[in-house]
Amino acid sequence: MAKPNKKGPSKTVDIYCSNCNSQLFKYRKAGKGALVKCFKERISKDYTTSSCTCPNCEKQFAREVIIRGTPAFKMIGGKVWFK
């Protein structure tokens, strides 16, 4: 399988915690579908202090995985929202 495009799209979305509404990432998202995974190389700004944990409420919102040979965060359903 092909690796994801490193540069990615120019459109960014803000990703928030569903529990406390604190901002987690600024991410270059491709497409208009649901947010299932975040490739680490496409995260333009990271507001978290520890990996996959909300800095405000300390709840886990994702898991670290390797997708197509690239490190990524696989989002847990209902834990995040974006705009």
Protein backbone atom coordinates (compact mmCIF):
# COMPACT_ATOMS: atom_id res chain seq x y z
CA MET A 1 0.00 0.00 0.00
CA ALA A 2 1.09 3.55 -0.64
CA LYS A 3 2.21 5.84 2.14
CA PRO A 4 0.12 8.96 2.88
CA ASN A 5 1.22 12.22 1.30
CA LYS A 6 3.57 13.97 3.77
CA LYS A 7 2.66 17.50 2.76
CA GLY A 8 -1.00 16.60 2.71
CA PRO A 9 -3.83 19.05 2.16
CA SER A 10 -3.56 22.74 3.02
CA LYS A 11 -6.95 22.82 4.82
CA THR A 12 -6.57 22.49 8.59
CA VAL A 13 -9.16 21.46 11.16
CA ASP A 14 -9.13 21.97 14.92
CA ILE A 15 -9.64 18.78 16.94
CA TYR A 16 -11.27 19.06 20.38
CA CYS A 17 -11.94 16.71 23.31
CA SER A 18 -15.63 15.71 23.52
CA ASN A 19 -15.55 15.59 27.32
CA CYS A 20 -14.11 19.03 28.20
CA ASN A 21 -13.92 20.83 24.79
CA SER A 22 -10.21 21.62 25.13
CA GLN A 23 -8.22 21.83 21.88
CA LEU A 24 -5.98 18.84 21.15
CA PHE A 25 -4.55 19.29 17.62
CA LYS A 26 -4.49 21.47 14.57
CA TYR A 27 -4.51 18.86 11.77
CA ARG A 28 -4.26 18.90 7.96
CA LYS A 29 -7.25 16.71 7.09
CA ALA A 30 -7.97 15.32 3.65
CA GLY A 31 -11.55 14.70 2.54
CA LYS A 32 -14.85 15.48 4.18
CA GLY A 33 -15.53 12.25 6.07
CA ALA A 34 -15.38 11.39 9.75
CA LEU A 35 -12.15 11.68 11.72
CA VAL A 36 -10.92 8.10 12.14
CA LYS A 37 -7.15 8.52 12.27
CA CYS A 38 -4.55 11.29 12.46
CA PHE A 39 -1.17 10.76 10.82
CA LYS A 40 1.48 12.25 13.11
CA GLU A 41 3.29 13.94 10.20
CA ARG A 42 0.13 15.90 9.31
CA ILE A 43 -0.36 17.41 12.80
CA SER A 44 0.64 21.05 12.41
CA LYS A 45 0.19 22.05 16.09
CA ASP A 46 -0.02 19.71 19.08
CA TYR A 47 -1.61 21.03 22.30
CA THR A 48 -1.31 17.75 24.27
CA THR A 49 1.37 17.17 26.89
CA SER A 50 1.33 13.35 26.85
CA SER A 51 0.51 11.19 23.86
CA CYS A 52 -3.19 10.33 23.30
CA THR A 53 -4.33 11.97 26.54
CA CYS A 54 -6.35 15.17 26.93
CA PRO A 55 -4.29 17.82 28.80
CA ASN A 56 -7.35 19.13 30.67
CA CYS A 57 -9.44 16.11 31.72
CA GLU A 58 -6.69 13.44 31.39
CA LYS A 59 -8.95 11.06 29.41
CA GLN A 60 -7.55 8.91 26.61
CA PHE A 61 -8.91 9.90 23.17
CA ALA A 62 -6.78 7.78 20.80
CA ARG A 63 -4.35 4.87 20.45
CA GLU A 64 -0.93 4.93 18.80
CA VAL A 65 -0.78 2.65 15.72
CA ILE A 66 1.21 2.13 12.54
CA ILE A 67 -0.95 2.57 9.41
CA ARG A 68 0.66 1.80 6.01
CA GLY A 69 4.09 2.00 7.66
CA THR A 70 3.45 5.49 9.08
CA PRO A 71 2.88 6.36 12.77
CA ALA A 72 -0.64 7.59 13.48
CA PHE A 73 -3.27 8.09 16.16
CA LYS A 74 -6.39 5.93 15.80
CA MET A 75 -9.25 7.90 17.33
CA ILE A 76 -11.63 6.22 19.81
CA GLY A 77 -15.22 6.73 18.65
CA GLY A 78 -17.04 9.65 20.27
CA LYS A 79 -14.00 10.97 22.18
CA VAL A 80 -13.14 13.85 19.80
CA TRP A 81 -14.88 16.31 17.50
CA PHE A 82 -13.53 18.73 14.90
CA LYS A 83 -14.43 21.91 13.05
